[in-house]
């Protein structure tokens, strides 16, 4: 069995959801999420499972990476290094549905999500 699954990992070199929680509840102190956090090597993990993999770090590499993804039959992993200022947004708060994301989505996007969710 060789599913044609493409995994794209946006790696901002931190535990983004935990950093958000720390920003909102602990005055931005980031022990073990940014400060002192060591990011696993995504490509080495993929290699350990014999998955084709690639890492990009520059915007100019995006098209070649997309072409590479499209040319792989079966599963593969693309790691995209992004600035650590990029947080995991938008996010859904506990107890809310996908149409109630934070920061708020533009009206047109929110309407499409509600349409899909029924």
PDB file of N, CA and C in Angstrom:
ATOM      1  N   UNK A   1       0.853  -1.183   0.000  1.00  0.00           N
ATOM      2  CA  UNK A   1       0.000   0.000   0.000  1.00  0.00           C
ATOM      3  C   UNK A   1       0.889   1.233   0.000  1.00  0.00           C
ATOM      4  N   UNK A   2       0.692   2.114  -0.951  1.00  0.00           N
ATOM      5  CA  UNK A   2       1.537   3.293  -1.114  1.00  0.00           C
ATOM      6  C   UNK A   2       0.653   4.518  -1.379  1.00  0.00           C
ATOM      7  N   UNK A   3       0.017   5.056  -0.342  1.00  0.00           N
ATOM      8  CA  UNK A   3      -0.919   6.166  -0.559  1.00  0.00           C
ATOM      9  C   UNK A   3      -0.199   7.398  -1.096  1.00  0.00           C
ATOM     10  N   UNK A   4      -0.875   8.109  -1.966  1.00  0.00           N
ATOM     11  CA  UNK A   4      -0.308   9.312  -2.571  1.00  0.00           C
ATOM     12  C   UNK A   4      -0.572  10.510  -1.653  1.00  0.00           C
ATOM     13  N   UNK A   5       0.105  10.523  -0.505  1.00  0.00           N
ATOM     14  CA  UNK A   5      -0.082  11.561   0.505  1.00  0.00           C
ATOM     15  C   UNK A   5       1.121  12.489   0.489  1.00  0.00           C
ATOM     16  N   UNK A   6       0.867  13.763   0.386  1.00  0.00           N
ATOM     17  CA  UNK A   6       1.917  14.773   0.408  1.00  0.00           C
ATOM     18  C   UNK A   6       1.820  15.530   1.733  1.00  0.00           C
ATOM     19  N   UNK A   7       2.842  15.438   2.553  1.00  0.00           N
ATOM     20  CA  UNK A   7       2.859  16.122   3.846  1.00  0.00           C
ATOM     21  C   UNK A   7       3.744  17.356   3.729  1.00  0.00           C
ATOM     22  N   UNK A   8       3.169  18.523   4.003  1.00  0.00           N
ATOM     23  CA  UNK A   8       3.922  19.776   3.998  1.00  0.00           C
ATOM     24  C   UNK A   8       3.984  20.270   5.434  1.00  0.00           C
ATOM     25  N   UNK A   9       5.195  20.381   5.963  1.00  0.00           N
ATOM     26  CA  UNK A   9       5.409  20.813   7.339  1.00  0.00           C
ATOM     27  C   UNK A   9       5.907  22.250   7.314  1.00  0.00           C
ATOM     28  N   UNK A  10       5.116  23.154   7.884  1.00  0.00           N
ATOM     29  CA  UNK A  10       5.545  24.547   8.013  1.00  0.00           C
ATOM     30  C   UNK A  10       6.302  24.652   9.330  1.00  0.00           C
ATOM     31  N   UNK A  11       7.615  24.762   9.253  1.00  0.00           N
ATOM     32  CA  UNK A  11       8.462  24.708  10.438  1.00  0.00           C
ATOM     33  C   UNK A  11       8.900  26.114  10.838  1.00  0.00           C
ATOM     34  N   UNK A  12       8.334  26.600  11.936  1.00  0.00           N
ATOM     35  CA  UNK A  12       8.721  27.916  12.441  1.00  0.00           C
ATOM     36  C   UNK A  12       9.670  27.802  13.641  1.00  0.00           C
ATOM     37  N   UNK A  13      10.257  26.642  13.826  1.00  0.00           N
ATOM     38  CA  UNK A  13      11.291  26.399  14.847  1.00  0.00           C
ATOM     39  C   UNK A  13      10.827  26.659  16.266  1.00  0.00           C
ATOM     40  N   UNK A  14       9.555  26.400  16.522  1.00  0.00           N
ATOM     41  CA  UNK A  14       9.040  26.550  17.882  1.00  0.00           C
ATOM     42  C   UNK A  14       7.751  25.751  18.006  1.00  0.00           C
ATOM     43  N   UNK A  15       7.269  25.619  19.212  1.00  0.00           N
ATOM     44  CA  UNK A  15       5.958  25.025  19.466  1.00  0.00           C
ATOM     45  C   UNK A  15       4.948  26.172  19.464  1.00  0.00           C
ATOM     46  N   UNK A  16       4.419  26.481  18.284  1.00  0.00           N
ATOM     47  CA  UNK A  16       3.630  27.686  18.086  1.00  0.00           C
ATOM     48  C   UNK A  16       2.375  27.791  18.930  1.00  0.00           C
ATOM     49  N   UNK A  17       1.595  26.715  19.051  1.00  0.00           N
ATOM     50  CA  UNK A  17       0.373  26.801  19.848  1.00  0.00           C
ATOM     51  C   UNK A  17       0.681  27.044  21.319  1.00  0.00           C
ATOM     52  N   UNK A  18       1.731  26.404  21.813  1.00  0.00           N
ATOM     53  CA  UNK A  18       2.117  26.640  23.209  1.00  0.00           C
ATOM     54  C   UNK A  18       2.638  28.063  23.392  1.00  0.00           C
ATOM     55  N   UNK A  19       3.396  28.576  22.414  1.00  0.00           N
ATOM     56  CA  UNK A  19       3.883  29.959  22.495  1.00  0.00           C
ATOM     57  C   UNK A  19       2.697  30.916  22.559  1.00  0.00           C
ATOM     58  N   UNK A  20       1.669  30.678  21.718  1.00  0.00           N
ATOM     59  CA  UNK A  20       0.474  31.524  21.777  1.00  0.00           C
ATOM     60  C   UNK A  20      -0.144  31.499  23.160  1.00  0.00           C
ATOM     61  N   UNK A  21      -0.265  30.313  23.730  1.00  0.00           N
ATOM     62  CA  UNK A  21      -0.840  30.180  25.070  1.00  0.00           C
ATOM     63  C   UNK A  21       0.001  30.959  26.083  1.00  0.00           C
ATOM     64  N   UNK A  22       1.324  30.856  25.975  1.00  0.00           N
ATOM     65  CA  UNK A  22       2.208  31.585  26.895  1.00  0.00           C
ATOM     66  C   UNK A  22       2.086  33.091  26.683  1.00  0.00           C
ATOM     67  N   UNK A  23       1.964  33.528  25.426  1.00  0.00           N
ATOM     68  CA  UNK A  23       1.794  34.958  25.151  1.00  0.00           C
ATOM     69  C   UNK A  23       0.513  35.483  25.800  1.00  0.00           C
ATOM     70  N   UNK A  24      -0.549  34.699  25.710  1.00  0.00           N
ATOM     71  CA  UNK A  24      -1.852  35.142  26.197  1.00  0.00           C
ATOM     72  C   UNK A  24      -2.010  35.014  27.709  1.00  0.00           C
ATOM     73  N   UNK A  25      -1.254  34.097  28.326  1.00  0.00           N
ATOM     74  CA  UNK A  25      -1.485  33.820  29.745  1.00  0.00           C
ATOM     75  C   UNK A  25      -0.279  34.023  30.664  1.00  0.00           C
ATOM     76  N   UNK A  26       0.911  34.131  30.114  1.00  0.00           N
ATOM     77  CA  UNK A  26       2.113  34.218  30.950  1.00  0.00           C
ATOM     78  C   UNK A  26       3.054  35.326  30.506  1.00  0.00           C
ATOM     79  N   UNK A  27       2.498  36.431  30.037  1.00  0.00           N
ATOM     80  CA  UNK A  27       3.276  37.615  29.671  1.00  0.00           C
ATOM     81  C   UNK A  27       4.412  37.327  28.703  1.00  0.00           C
ATOM     82  N   UNK A  28       4.228  36.367  27.807  1.00  0.00           N
ATOM     83  CA  UNK A  28       5.206  36.127  26.767  1.00  0.00           C
ATOM     84  C   UNK A  28       6.490  35.457  27.205  1.00  0.00           C
ATOM     85  N   UNK A  29       6.484  34.782  28.342  1.00  0.00           N
ATOM     86  CA  UNK A  29       7.643  34.003  28.757  1.00  0.00           C
ATOM     87  C   UNK A  29       7.552  32.656  28.037  1.00  0.00           C
ATOM     88  N   UNK A  30       8.633  32.247  27.373  1.00  0.00           N
ATOM     89  CA  UNK A  30       8.577  31.094  26.472  1.00  0.00           C
ATOM     90  C   UNK A  30       9.535  29.962  26.823  1.00  0.00           C
ATOM     91  N   UNK A  31       9.541  29.458  28.050  1.00  0.00           N
ATOM     92  CA  UNK A  31      10.446  28.348  28.343  1.00  0.00           C
ATOM     93  C   UNK A  31      10.029  27.079  27.588  1.00  0.00           C
ATOM     94  N   UNK A  32      10.985  26.462  26.949  1.00  0.00           N
ATOM     95  CA  UNK A  32      10.817  25.164  26.277  1.00  0.00           C
ATOM     96  C   UNK A  32       9.898  25.197  25.061  1.00  0.00           C
ATOM     97  N   UNK A  33       9.457  26.374  24.618  1.00  0.00           N
ATOM     98  CA  UNK A  33       8.673  26.460  23.399  1.00  0.00           C
ATOM     99  C   UNK A  33       9.438  27.218  22.320  1.00  0.00           C
ATOM    100  N   UNK A  34      10.143  28.256  22.734  1.00  0.00           N
ATOM    101  CA  UNK A  34      11.034  29.006  21.850  1.00  0.00           C
ATOM    102  C   UNK A  34      12.425  28.960  22.476  1.00  0.00           C
ATOM    103  N   UNK A  35      12.513  29.450  23.707  1.00  0.00           N
ATOM    104  CA  UNK A  35      13.791  29.463  24.437  1.00  0.00           C
ATOM    105  C   UNK A  35      14.125  28.047  24.887  1.00  0.00           C
ATOM    106  N   UNK A  36      15.245  27.531  24.398  1.00  0.00           N
ATOM    107  CA  UNK A  36      15.673  26.198  24.809  1.00  0.00           C
ATOM    108  C   UNK A  36      14.980  25.063  24.085  1.00  0.00           C
ATOM    109  N   UNK A  37      14.236  25.375  23.012  1.00  0.00           N
ATOM    110  CA  UNK A  37      13.539  24.332  22.261  1.00  0.00           C
ATOM    111  C   UNK A  37      14.393  23.908  21.075  1.00  0.00           C
ATOM    112  N   UNK A  38      14.565  22.634  20.917  1.00  0.00           N
ATOM    113  CA  UNK A  38      15.323  22.086  19.803  1.00  0.00           C
ATOM    114  C   UNK A  38      14.346  21.396  18.850  1.00  0.00           C
ATOM    115  N   UNK A  39      14.265  21.893  17.639  1.00  0.00           N
ATOM    116  CA  UNK A  39      13.314  21.371  16.656  1.00  0.00           C
ATOM    117  C   UNK A  39      13.826  20.061  16.068  1.00  0.00           C
ATOM    118  N   UNK A  40      13.005  19.025  16.041  1.00  0.00           N
ATOM    119  CA  UNK A  40      13.419  17.781  15.392  1.00  0.00           C
ATOM    120  C   UNK A  40      13.715  18.013  13.908  1.00  0.00           C
ATOM    121  N   UNK A  41      14.623  17.252  13.356  1.00  0.00           N
ATOM    122  CA  UNK A  41      14.965  17.339  11.940  1.00  0.00           C
ATOM    123  C   UNK A  41      13.918  16.555  11.146  1.00  0.00           C
ATOM    124  N   UNK A  42      12.990  17.261  10.538  1.00  0.00           N
ATOM    125  CA  UNK A  42      11.864  16.657   9.840  1.00  0.00           C
ATOM    126  C   UNK A  42      12.344  15.755   8.703  1.00  0.00           C
ATOM    127  N   UNK A  43      13.346  16.179   7.970  1.00  0.00           N
ATOM    128  CA  UNK A  43      13.836  15.380   6.846  1.00  0.00           C
ATOM    129  C   UNK A  43      14.501  14.091   7.322  1.00  0.00           C
ATOM    130  N   UNK A  44      15.201  14.132   8.440  1.00  0.00           N
ATOM    131  CA  UNK A  44      15.792  12.895   8.972  1.00  0.00           C
ATOM    132  C   UNK A  44      14.698  11.922   9.421  1.00  0.00           C
ATOM    133  N   UNK A  45      13.646  12.460  10.000  1.00  0.00           N
ATOM    134  CA  UNK A  45      12.526  11.596  10.413  1.00  0.00           C
ATOM    135  C   UNK A  45      11.897  10.959   9.175  1.00  0.00           C
ATOM    136  N   UNK A  46      11.662  11.753   8.133  1.00  0.00           N
ATOM    137  CA  UNK A  46      11.086  11.213   6.899  1.00  0.00           C
ATOM    138  C   UNK A  46      12.009  10.158   6.296  1.00  0.00           C
ATOM    139  N   UNK A  47      13.301  10.420   6.302  1.00  0.00           N
ATOM    140  CA  UNK A  47      14.268   9.457   5.763  1.00  0.00           C
ATOM    141  C   UNK A  47      14.249   8.149   6.537  1.00  0.00           C
ATOM    142  N   UNK A  48      14.057   8.241   7.834  1.00  0.00           N
ATOM    143  CA  UNK A  48      14.007   7.031   8.654  1.00  0.00           C
ATOM    144  C   UNK A  48      12.855   6.119   8.239  1.00  0.00           C
ATOM    145  N   UNK A  49      11.823   6.695   7.641  1.00  0.00           N
ATOM    146  CA  UNK A  49      10.682   5.924   7.149  1.00  0.00           C
ATOM    147  C   UNK A  49      10.757   5.711   5.637  1.00  0.00           C
ATOM    148  N   UNK A  50      11.935   5.971   5.060  1.00  0.00           N
ATOM    149  CA  UNK A  50      12.166   5.816   3.614  1.00  0.00           C
ATOM    150  C   UNK A  50      11.218   6.655   2.770  1.00  0.00           C
ATOM    151  N   UNK A  51      10.857   7.828   3.281  1.00  0.00           N
ATOM    152  CA  UNK A  51       9.992   8.727   2.528  1.00  0.00           C
ATOM    153  C   UNK A  51      10.846   9.760   1.792  1.00  0.00           C
ATOM    154  N   UNK A  52      10.582   9.977   0.507  1.00  0.00           N
ATOM    155  CA  UNK A  52      11.262  11.069  -0.181  1.00  0.00           C
ATOM    156  C   UNK A  52      10.974  12.370   0.563  1.00  0.00           C
ATOM    157  N   UNK A  53      11.978  13.231   0.676  1.00  0.00           N
ATOM    158  CA  UNK A  53      11.782  14.465   1.428  1.00  0.00           C
ATOM    159  C   UNK A  53      12.655  15.570   0.881  1.00  0.00           C
ATOM    160  N   UNK A  54      12.253  16.774   1.226  1.00  0.00           N
ATOM    161  CA  UNK A  54      12.964  17.958   0.768  1.00  0.00           C
ATOM    162  C   UNK A  54      12.662  19.086   1.739  1.00  0.00           C
ATOM    163  N   UNK A  55      13.607  20.014   1.866  1.00  0.00           N
ATOM    164  CA  UNK A  55      13.436  21.189   2.725  1.00  0.00           C
ATOM    165  C   UNK A  55      13.709  22.430   1.894  1.00  0.00           C
ATOM    166  N   UNK A  56      12.854  23.429   2.042  1.00  0.00           N
ATOM    167  CA  UNK A  56      13.118  24.709   1.386  1.00  0.00           C
ATOM    168  C   UNK A  56      13.160  25.804   2.435  1.00  0.00           C
ATOM    169  N   UNK A  57      13.946  26.835   2.126  1.00  0.00           N
ATOM    170  CA  UNK A  57      14.114  27.950   3.054  1.00  0.00           C
ATOM    171  C   UNK A  57      13.885  29.306   2.401  1.00  0.00           C
ATOM    172  N   UNK A  58      13.766  29.334   1.068  1.00  0.00           N
ATOM    173  CA  UNK A  58      13.622  30.607   0.362  1.00  0.00           C
ATOM    174  C   UNK A  58      12.365  30.601  -0.501  1.00  0.00           C
ATOM    175  N   UNK A  59      11.746  31.764  -0.606  1.00  0.00           N
ATOM    176  CA  UNK A  59      10.563  31.900  -1.449  1.00  0.00           C
ATOM    177  C   UNK A  59      10.843  31.460  -2.881  1.00  0.00           C
ATOM    178  N   UNK A  60      12.051  31.723  -3.351  1.00  0.00           N
ATOM    179  CA  UNK A  60      12.395  31.393  -4.737  1.00  0.00           C
ATOM    180  C   UNK A  60      12.415  29.880  -4.989  1.00  0.00           C
ATOM    181  N   UNK A  61      12.398  29.069  -3.934  1.00  0.00           N
ATOM    182  CA  UNK A  61      12.415  27.613  -4.079  1.00  0.00           C
ATOM    183  C   UNK A  61      11.020  26.980  -4.104  1.00  0.00           C
ATOM    184  N   UNK A  62       9.986  27.789  -3.921  1.00  0.00           N
ATOM    185  CA  UNK A  62       8.637  27.244  -3.787  1.00  0.00           C
ATOM    186  C   UNK A  62       8.182  26.525  -5.054  1.00  0.00           C
ATOM    187  N   UNK A  63       8.355  27.135  -6.210  1.00  0.00           N
ATOM    188  CA  UNK A  63       7.855  26.508  -7.440  1.00  0.00           C
ATOM    189  C   UNK A  63       8.553  25.186  -7.699  1.00  0.00           C
ATOM    190  N   UNK A  64       9.866  25.143  -7.522  1.00  0.00           N
ATOM    191  CA  UNK A  64      10.595  23.882  -7.727  1.00  0.00           C
ATOM    192  C   UNK A  64      10.118  22.818  -6.739  1.00  0.00           C
ATOM    193  N   UNK A  65       9.825  23.230  -5.501  1.00  0.00           N
ATOM    194  CA  UNK A  65       9.340  22.271  -4.498  1.00  0.00           C
ATOM    195  C   UNK A  65       7.952  21.751  -4.865  1.00  0.00           C
ATOM    196  N   UNK A  66       7.082  22.617  -5.367  1.00  0.00           N
ATOM    197  CA  UNK A  66       5.755  22.176  -5.788  1.00  0.00           C
ATOM    198  C   UNK A  66       5.850  21.225  -6.977  1.00  0.00           C
ATOM    199  N   UNK A  67       6.757  21.526  -7.902  1.00  0.00           N
ATOM    200  CA  UNK A  67       6.975  20.625  -9.038  1.00  0.00           C
ATOM    201  C   UNK A  67       7.480  19.270  -8.545  1.00  0.00           C
ATOM    202  N   UNK A  68       8.379  19.292  -7.566  1.00  0.00           N
ATOM    203  CA  UNK A  68       8.909  18.054  -6.981  1.00  0.00           C
ATOM    204  C   UNK A  68       7.787  17.248  -6.345  1.00  0.00           C
ATOM    205  N   UNK A  69       6.942  17.920  -5.550  1.00  0.00           N
ATOM    206  CA  UNK A  69       5.803  17.230  -4.919  1.00  0.00           C
ATOM    207  C   UNK A  69       4.922  16.560  -5.963  1.00  0.00           C
ATOM    208  N   UNK A  70       4.628  17.283  -7.026  1.00  0.00           N
ATOM    209  CA  UNK A  70       3.771  16.748  -8.062  1.00  0.00           C
ATOM    210  C   UNK A  70       4.391  15.595  -8.836  1.00  0.00           C
ATOM    211  N   UNK A  71       5.705  15.500  -8.812  1.00  0.00           N
ATOM    212  CA  UNK A  71       6.400  14.456  -9.541  1.00  0.00           C
ATOM    213  C   UNK A  71       6.658  13.192  -8.749  1.00  0.00           C
ATOM    214  N   UNK A  72       6.311  13.187  -7.480  1.00  0.00           N
ATOM    215  CA  UNK A  72       6.532  12.016  -6.626  1.00  0.00           C
ATOM    216  C   UNK A  72       5.271  11.163  -6.619  1.00  0.00           C
ATOM    217  N   UNK A  73       5.421   9.881  -6.932  1.00  0.00           N
ATOM    218  CA  UNK A  73       4.307   8.940  -6.802  1.00  0.00           C
ATOM    219  C   UNK A  73       4.386   8.332  -5.417  1.00  0.00           C
ATOM    220  N   UNK A  74       3.332   8.465  -4.655  1.00  0.00           N
ATOM    221  CA  UNK A  74       3.335   7.942  -3.297  1.00  0.00           C
ATOM    222  C   UNK A  74       3.622   9.041  -2.288  1.00  0.00           C
ATOM    223  N   UNK A  75       3.794   8.643  -1.038  1.00  0.00           N
ATOM    224  CA  UNK A  75       3.958   9.632   0.028  1.00  0.00           C
ATOM    225  C   UNK A  75       5.308  10.318  -0.020  1.00  0.00           C
ATOM    226  N   UNK A  76       5.324  11.578   0.427  1.00  0.00           N
ATOM    227  CA  UNK A  76       6.571  12.333   0.549  1.00  0.00           C
ATOM    228  C   UNK A  76       6.362  13.477   1.533  1.00  0.00           C
ATOM    229  N   UNK A  77       7.477  14.080   1.938  1.00  0.00           N
ATOM    230  CA  UNK A  77       7.442  15.144   2.946  1.00  0.00           C
ATOM    231  C   UNK A  77       8.200  16.354   2.415  1.00  0.00           C
ATOM    232  N   UNK A  78       7.565  17.515   2.493  1.00  0.00           N
ATOM    233  CA  UNK A  78       8.208  18.785   2.176  1.00  0.00           C
ATOM    234  C   UNK A  78       8.220  19.620   3.442  1.00  0.00           C
ATOM    235  N   UNK A  79       9.401  19.993   3.881  1.00  0.00           N
ATOM    236  CA  UNK A  79       9.540  20.876   5.045  1.00  0.00           C
ATOM    237  C   UNK A  79       9.791  22.291   4.532  1.00  0.00           C
ATOM    238  N   UNK A  80       8.990  23.232   5.020  1.00  0.00           N
ATOM    239  CA  UNK A  80       9.119  24.629   4.629  1.00  0.00           C
ATOM    240  C   UNK A  80       9.538  25.423   5.858  1.00  0.00           C
ATOM    241  N   UNK A  81      10.755  25.950   5.821  1.00  0.00           N
ATOM    242  CA  UNK A  81      11.236  26.765   6.938  1.00  0.00           C
ATOM    243  C   UNK A  81      10.597  28.151   6.810  1.00  0.00           C
ATOM    244  N   UNK A  82       9.897  28.565   7.853  1.00  0.00           N
ATOM    245  CA  UNK A  82       9.254  29.876   7.867  1.00  0.00           C
ATOM    246  C   UNK A  82       9.769  30.656   9.074  1.00  0.00           C
ATOM    247  N   UNK A  83       9.666  31.984   9.035  1.00  0.00           N
ATOM    248  CA  UNK A  83      10.143  32.774  10.173  1.00  0.00           C
ATOM    249  C   UNK A  83       9.416  32.400  11.461  1.00  0.00           C
ATOM    250  N   UNK A  84      10.130  32.451  12.583  1.00  0.00           N
ATOM    251  CA  UNK A  84       9.465  32.076  13.835  1.00  0.00           C
ATOM    252  C   UNK A  84       8.503  33.152  14.318  1.00  0.00           C
ATOM    253  N   UNK A  85       8.413  34.262  13.620  1.00  0.00           N
ATOM    254  CA  UNK A  85       7.380  35.249  13.946  1.00  0.00           C
ATOM    255  C   UNK A  85       6.019  34.795  13.408  1.00  0.00           C
ATOM    256  N   UNK A  86       6.040  33.821  12.520  1.00  0.00           N
ATOM    257  CA  UNK A  86       4.780  33.308  11.980  1.00  0.00           C
ATOM    258  C   UNK A  86       4.144  32.395  13.007  1.00  0.00           C
ATOM    259  N   UNK A  87       3.019  32.797  13.507  1.00  0.00           N
ATOM    260  CA  UNK A  87       2.309  31.975  14.470  1.00  0.00           C
ATOM    261  C   UNK A  87       1.293  31.090  13.774  1.00  0.00           C
ATOM    262  N   UNK A  88       0.714  30.168  14.506  1.00  0.00           N
ATOM    263  CA  UNK A  88      -0.295  29.269  13.936  1.00  0.00           C
ATOM    264  C   UNK A  88      -1.667  29.939  13.901  1.00  0.00           C
ATOM    265  N   UNK A  89      -1.847  30.850  12.964  1.00  0.00           N
ATOM    266  CA  UNK A  89      -3.107  31.569  12.823  1.00  0.00           C
ATOM    267  C   UNK A  89      -3.692  31.289  11.457  1.00  0.00           C
ATOM    268  N   UNK A  90      -4.980  31.362  11.292  1.00  0.00           N
ATOM    269  CA  UNK A  90      -5.951  31.595  12.349  1.00  0.00           C
ATOM    270  C   UNK A  90      -6.115  30.351  13.204  1.00  0.00           C
ATOM    271  N   UNK A  91      -6.652  30.542  14.388  1.00  0.00           N
ATOM    272  CA  UNK A  91      -6.876  29.410  15.285  1.00  0.00           C
ATOM    273  C   UNK A  91      -8.326  29.429  15.760  1.00  0.00           C
ATOM    274  N   UNK A  92      -8.760  28.267  16.185  1.00  0.00           N
ATOM    275  CA  UNK A  92     -10.121  28.122  16.689  1.00  0.00           C
ATOM    276  C   UNK A  92     -10.034  28.015  18.203  1.00  0.00           C
ATOM    277  N   UNK A  93     -10.777  28.849  18.881  1.00  0.00           N
ATOM    278  CA  UNK A  93     -10.781  28.832  20.337  1.00  0.00           C
ATOM    279  C   UNK A  93     -11.588  27.640  20.850  1.00  0.00           C
ATOM    280  N   UNK A  94     -11.282  27.159  22.042  1.00  0.00           N
ATOM    281  CA  UNK A  94     -12.024  26.016  22.588  1.00  0.00           C
ATOM    282  C   UNK A  94     -13.525  26.287  22.618  1.00  0.00           C
ATOM    283  N   UNK A  95     -14.295  25.287  22.207  1.00  0.00           N
ATOM    284  CA  UNK A  95     -15.750  25.396  22.230  1.00  0.00           C
ATOM    285  C   UNK A  95     -16.349  26.153  21.056  1.00  0.00           C
ATOM    286  N   UNK A  96     -15.513  26.610  20.135  1.00  0.00           N
ATOM    287  CA  UNK A  96     -16.007  27.377  18.980  1.00  0.00           C
ATOM    288  C   UNK A  96     -15.954  26.511  17.726  1.00  0.00           C
ATOM    289  N   UNK A  97     -16.690  26.914  16.691  1.00  0.00           N
ATOM    290  CA  UNK A  97     -16.617  26.170  15.437  1.00  0.00           C
ATOM    291  C   UNK A  97     -15.636  26.852  14.481  1.00  0.00           C
ATOM    292  N   UNK A  98     -15.391  26.218  13.337  1.00  0.00           N
ATOM    293  CA  UNK A  98     -14.394  26.723  12.397  1.00  0.00           C
ATOM    294  C   UNK A  98     -14.728  28.101  11.846  1.00  0.00           C
ATOM    295  N   UNK A  99     -15.969  28.494  11.886  1.00  0.00           N
ATOM    296  CA  UNK A  99     -16.368  29.814  11.412  1.00  0.00           C
ATOM    297  C   UNK A  99     -16.081  30.916  12.410  1.00  0.00           C
ATOM    298  N   UNK A 100     -15.607  30.568  13.598  1.00  0.00           N
ATOM    299  CA  UNK A 100     -15.334  31.554  14.642  1.00  0.00           C
ATOM    300  C   UNK A 100     -13.840  31.537  14.971  1.00  0.00           C
ATOM    301  N   UNK A 101     -13.034  31.815  13.968  1.00  0.00           N
ATOM    302  CA  UNK A 101     -11.589  31.775  14.148  1.00  0.00           C
ATOM    303  C   UNK A 101     -11.054  33.105  14.653  1.00  0.00           C
ATOM    304  N   UNK A 102      -9.854  33.045  15.184  1.00  0.00           N
ATOM    305  CA  UNK A 102      -9.196  34.231  15.704  1.00  0.00           C
ATOM    306  C   UNK A 102      -7.823  34.316  15.086  1.00  0.00           C
ATOM    307  N   UNK A 103      -7.381  35.390  14.500  1.00  0.00           N
ATOM    308  CA  UNK A 103      -8.180  36.598  14.291  1.00  0.00           C
ATOM    309  C   UNK A 103      -9.335  36.316  13.338  1.00  0.00           C
ATOM    310  N   UNK A 104     -10.356  37.170  13.398  1.00  0.00           N
ATOM    311  CA  UNK A 104     -11.533  36.929  12.560  1.00  0.00           C
ATOM    312  C   UNK A 104     -11.150  36.842  11.087  1.00  0.00           C
ATOM    313  N   UNK A 105     -11.810  35.942  10.388  1.00  0.00           N
ATOM    314  CA  UNK A 105     -11.593  35.798   8.959  1.00  0.00           C
ATOM    315  C   UNK A 105     -12.382  36.864   8.208  1.00  0.00           C
ATOM    316  N   UNK A 106     -11.904  37.231   7.007  1.00  0.00           N
ATOM    317  CA  UNK A 106     -12.713  38.157   6.198  1.00  0.00           C
ATOM    318  C   UNK A 106     -14.088  37.550   5.945  1.00  0.00           C
ATOM    319  N   UNK A 107     -15.105  38.372   5.851  1.00  0.00           N
ATOM    320  CA  UNK A 107     -16.479  37.909   5.711  1.00  0.00           C
ATOM    321  C   UNK A 107     -16.689  36.878   4.634  1.00  0.00           C
ATOM    322  N   UNK A 108     -16.063  37.055   3.473  1.00  0.00           N
ATOM    323  CA  UNK A 108     -16.253  36.122   2.365  1.00  0.00           C
ATOM    324  C   UNK A 108     -15.717  34.736   2.736  1.00  0.00           C
ATOM    325  N   UNK A 109     -14.559  34.673   3.361  1.00  0.00           N
ATOM    326  CA  UNK A 109     -13.964  33.395   3.755  1.00  0.00           C
ATOM    327  C   UNK A 109     -14.803  32.716   4.819  1.00  0.00           C
ATOM    328  N   UNK A 110     -15.236  33.477   5.826  1.00  0.00           N
ATOM    329  CA  UNK A 110     -16.050  32.913   6.885  1.00  0.00           C
ATOM    330  C   UNK A 110     -17.339  32.328   6.324  1.00  0.00           C
ATOM    331  N   UNK A 111     -17.960  33.014   5.376  1.00  0.00           N
ATOM    332  CA  UNK A 111     -19.182  32.518   4.756  1.00  0.00           C
ATOM    333  C   UNK A 111     -18.961  31.206   4.035  1.00  0.00           C
ATOM    334  N   UNK A 112     -17.827  31.057   3.370  1.00  0.00           N
ATOM    335  CA  UNK A 112     -17.529  29.813   2.660  1.00  0.00           C
ATOM    336  C   UNK A 112     -17.336  28.667   3.651  1.00  0.00           C
ATOM    337  N   UNK A 113     -16.688  28.928   4.775  1.00  0.00           N
ATOM    338  CA  UNK A 113     -16.499  27.883   5.787  1.00  0.00           C
ATOM    339  C   UNK A 113     -17.846  27.451   6.335  1.00  0.00           C
ATOM    340  N   UNK A 114     -18.709  28.396   6.655  1.00  0.00           N
ATOM    341  CA  UNK A 114     -20.028  28.052   7.172  1.00  0.00           C
ATOM    342  C   UNK A 114     -20.822  27.253   6.145  1.00  0.00           C
ATOM    343  N   UNK A 115     -20.665  27.600   4.860  1.00  0.00           N
ATOM    344  CA  UNK A 115     -21.356  26.874   3.789  1.00  0.00           C
ATOM    345  C   UNK A 115     -20.910  25.414   3.733  1.00  0.00           C
ATOM    346  N   UNK A 116     -19.604  25.177   3.875  1.00  0.00           N
ATOM    347  CA  UNK A 116     -19.065  23.825   3.834  1.00  0.00           C
ATOM    348  C   UNK A 116     -19.515  23.036   5.058  1.00  0.00           C
ATOM    349  N   UNK A 117     -19.515  23.689   6.230  1.00  0.00           N
ATOM    350  CA  UNK A 117     -19.886  23.016   7.467  1.00  0.00           C
ATOM    351  C   UNK A 117     -21.384  22.757   7.566  1.00  0.00           C
ATOM    352  N   UNK A 118     -22.149  23.488   6.790  1.00  0.00           N
ATOM    353  CA  UNK A 118     -23.607  23.280   6.799  1.00  0.00           C
ATOM    354  C   UNK A 118     -24.207  23.988   7.917  1.00  0.00           C
TER     355      UNK A 118
END
